[in-house]
Amino acid sequence: MKDSNYIKIYTGDFIIVQRIVTELEAIDINPIVKDQTESARLAGFGGGIVPGFQEIFVNKDELDTAVSIVQEITSELGA
């Protein structure tokens, strides 16, 4: 995603990614989720670097709010 208005804010497993996406969408932030393993599988290639892991990207304008949501969720899960 070079020369893009989107920045990666999180990489992790499907379940945590879905929770973050749900929280972001609840405050009208529309993230992009990238799953290289699934993309490679659908294209007929082998798996990705880390199977089951996905990346979340958000628009630069929404970065601060999105990062605070990710930090809140990850700190809650770490406790």
C-alpha atoms as a PDB file:
ATOM      1  CA  MET A   1       0.000   0.000   0.000  1.00  0.00           C
ATOM      2  CA  LYS A   2       2.631   2.512  -1.014  1.00  0.00           C
ATOM      3  CA  ASP A   3       1.474   6.093  -1.603  1.00  0.00           C
ATOM      4  CA  SER A   4      -1.742   5.302   0.195  1.00  0.00           C
ATOM      5  CA  ASN A   5      -3.820   7.196   2.695  1.00  0.00           C
ATOM      6  CA  TYR A   6      -4.047   4.006   4.759  1.00  0.00           C
ATOM      7  CA  ILE A   7      -1.734   2.962   7.572  1.00  0.00           C
ATOM      8  CA  LYS A   8      -1.406  -0.448   9.217  1.00  0.00           C
ATOM      9  CA  ILE A   9      -2.422  -0.275  12.876  1.00  0.00           C
ATOM     10  CA  TYR A  10      -2.549  -3.926  13.908  1.00  0.00           C
ATOM     11  CA  THR A  11      -1.483  -7.437  12.904  1.00  0.00           C
ATOM     12  CA  GLY A  12      -2.929 -10.401  14.742  1.00  0.00           C
ATOM     13  CA  ASP A  13      -5.178 -13.410  14.723  1.00  0.00           C
ATOM     14  CA  PHE A  14      -8.673 -13.476  13.252  1.00  0.00           C
ATOM     15  CA  ILE A  15     -10.596 -13.261  16.537  1.00  0.00           C
ATOM     16  CA  ILE A  16      -8.838 -10.169  17.859  1.00  0.00           C
ATOM     17  CA  VAL A  17      -8.956  -8.531  14.427  1.00  0.00           C
ATOM     18  CA  GLN A  18     -12.714  -9.058  14.287  1.00  0.00           C
ATOM     19  CA  ARG A  19     -13.152  -7.487  17.723  1.00  0.00           C
ATOM     20  CA  ILE A  20     -11.094  -4.450  16.714  1.00  0.00           C
ATOM     21  CA  VAL A  21     -13.005  -4.116  13.438  1.00  0.00           C
ATOM     22  CA  THR A  22     -16.323  -4.244  15.311  1.00  0.00           C
ATOM     23  CA  GLU A  23     -15.208  -1.532  17.740  1.00  0.00           C
ATOM     24  CA  LEU A  24     -13.889   0.678  14.934  1.00  0.00           C
ATOM     25  CA  GLU A  25     -17.057   0.305  12.876  1.00  0.00           C
ATOM     26  CA  ALA A  26     -19.129   1.228  15.959  1.00  0.00           C
ATOM     27  CA  ILE A  27     -17.500   4.675  15.890  1.00  0.00           C
ATOM     28  CA  ASP A  28     -17.813   5.041  12.091  1.00  0.00           C
ATOM     29  CA  ILE A  29     -14.244   4.088  11.189  1.00  0.00           C
ATOM     30  CA  ASN A  30     -14.167   1.716   8.224  1.00  0.00           C
ATOM     31  CA  PRO A  31     -10.984  -0.357   8.431  1.00  0.00           C
ATOM     32  CA  ILE A  32      -9.495  -2.478   5.676  1.00  0.00           C
ATOM     33  CA  VAL A  33      -8.559  -6.021   6.680  1.00  0.00           C
ATOM     34  CA  LYS A  34      -5.833  -7.734   4.683  1.00  0.00           C
ATOM     35  CA  ASP A  35      -5.334 -11.490   4.907  1.00  0.00           C
ATOM     36  CA  GLN A  36      -2.334 -12.511   2.804  1.00  0.00           C
ATOM     37  CA  THR A  37      -2.752 -16.200   3.569  1.00  0.00           C
ATOM     38  CA  GLU A  38      -6.315 -16.247   2.266  1.00  0.00           C
ATOM     39  CA  SER A  39      -5.397 -14.136  -0.756  1.00  0.00           C
ATOM     40  CA  ALA A  40      -2.574 -16.528  -1.622  1.00  0.00           C
ATOM     41  CA  ARG A  41      -4.829 -19.553  -1.177  1.00  0.00           C
ATOM     42  CA  LEU A  42      -7.525 -18.095  -3.422  1.00  0.00           C
ATOM     43  CA  ALA A  43      -4.920 -17.292  -6.084  1.00  0.00           C
ATOM     44  CA  GLY A  44      -3.673 -20.891  -6.008  1.00  0.00           C
ATOM     45  CA  PHE A  45      -0.379 -20.198  -4.269  1.00  0.00           C
ATOM     46  CA  GLY A  46       0.914 -21.516  -0.965  1.00  0.00           C
ATOM     47  CA  GLY A  47       0.116 -19.972   2.388  1.00  0.00           C
ATOM     48  CA  GLY A  48       1.298 -16.621   3.647  1.00  0.00           C
ATOM     49  CA  ILE A  49       4.037 -15.807   6.104  1.00  0.00           C
ATOM     50  CA  VAL A  50       1.971 -16.475   9.229  1.00  0.00           C
ATOM     51  CA  PRO A  51      -1.248 -18.443   8.601  1.00  0.00           C
ATOM     52  CA  GLY A  52      -4.338 -17.055  10.313  1.00  0.00           C
ATOM     53  CA  PHE A  53      -2.934 -13.583  10.859  1.00  0.00           C
ATOM     54  CA  GLN A  54      -4.548 -10.509   9.398  1.00  0.00           C
ATOM     55  CA  GLU A  55      -3.628  -6.836   9.148  1.00  0.00           C
ATOM     56  CA  ILE A  56      -5.868  -3.846   9.854  1.00  0.00           C
ATOM     57  CA  PHE A  57      -5.421  -0.585   7.967  1.00  0.00           C
ATOM     58  CA  VAL A  58      -7.204   2.726   8.600  1.00  0.00           C
ATOM     59  CA  ASN A  59      -7.232   6.094   6.902  1.00  0.00           C
ATOM     60  CA  LYS A  60      -4.544   8.519   8.110  1.00  0.00           C
ATOM     61  CA  ASP A  61      -7.266  10.944   9.218  1.00  0.00           C
ATOM     62  CA  GLU A  62      -8.635   8.353  11.657  1.00  0.00           C
ATOM     63  CA  LEU A  63      -5.267   7.090  12.904  1.00  0.00           C
ATOM     64  CA  ASP A  64      -5.205   8.564  16.431  1.00  0.00           C
ATOM     65  CA  THR A  65      -8.693   7.366  17.324  1.00  0.00           C
ATOM     66  CA  ALA A  66      -8.127   3.917  15.810  1.00  0.00           C
ATOM     67  CA  VAL A  67      -4.800   3.403  17.589  1.00  0.00           C
ATOM     68  CA  SER A  68      -6.375   4.271  20.942  1.00  0.00           C
ATOM     69  CA  ILE A  69      -9.082   1.634  20.327  1.00  0.00           C
ATOM     70  CA  VAL A  70      -6.433  -0.983  19.452  1.00  0.00           C
ATOM     71  CA  GLN A  71      -4.396  -0.118  22.556  1.00  0.00           C
ATOM     72  CA  GLU A  72      -7.483  -0.366  24.752  1.00  0.00           C
ATOM     73  CA  ILE A  73      -8.434  -3.772  23.408  1.00  0.00           C
ATOM     74  CA  THR A  74      -4.922  -5.241  23.467  1.00  0.00           C
ATOM     75  CA  SER A  75      -4.249  -4.013  27.007  1.00  0.00           C
ATOM     76  CA  GLU A  76      -7.580  -5.469  28.127  1.00  0.00           C
ATOM     77  CA  LEU A  77      -6.658  -8.842  26.593  1.00  0.00           C
ATOM     78  CA  GLY A  78      -3.198  -8.763  28.129  1.00  0.00           C
ATOM     79  CA  ALA A  79      -4.540  -8.273  31.652  1.00  0.00           C
END
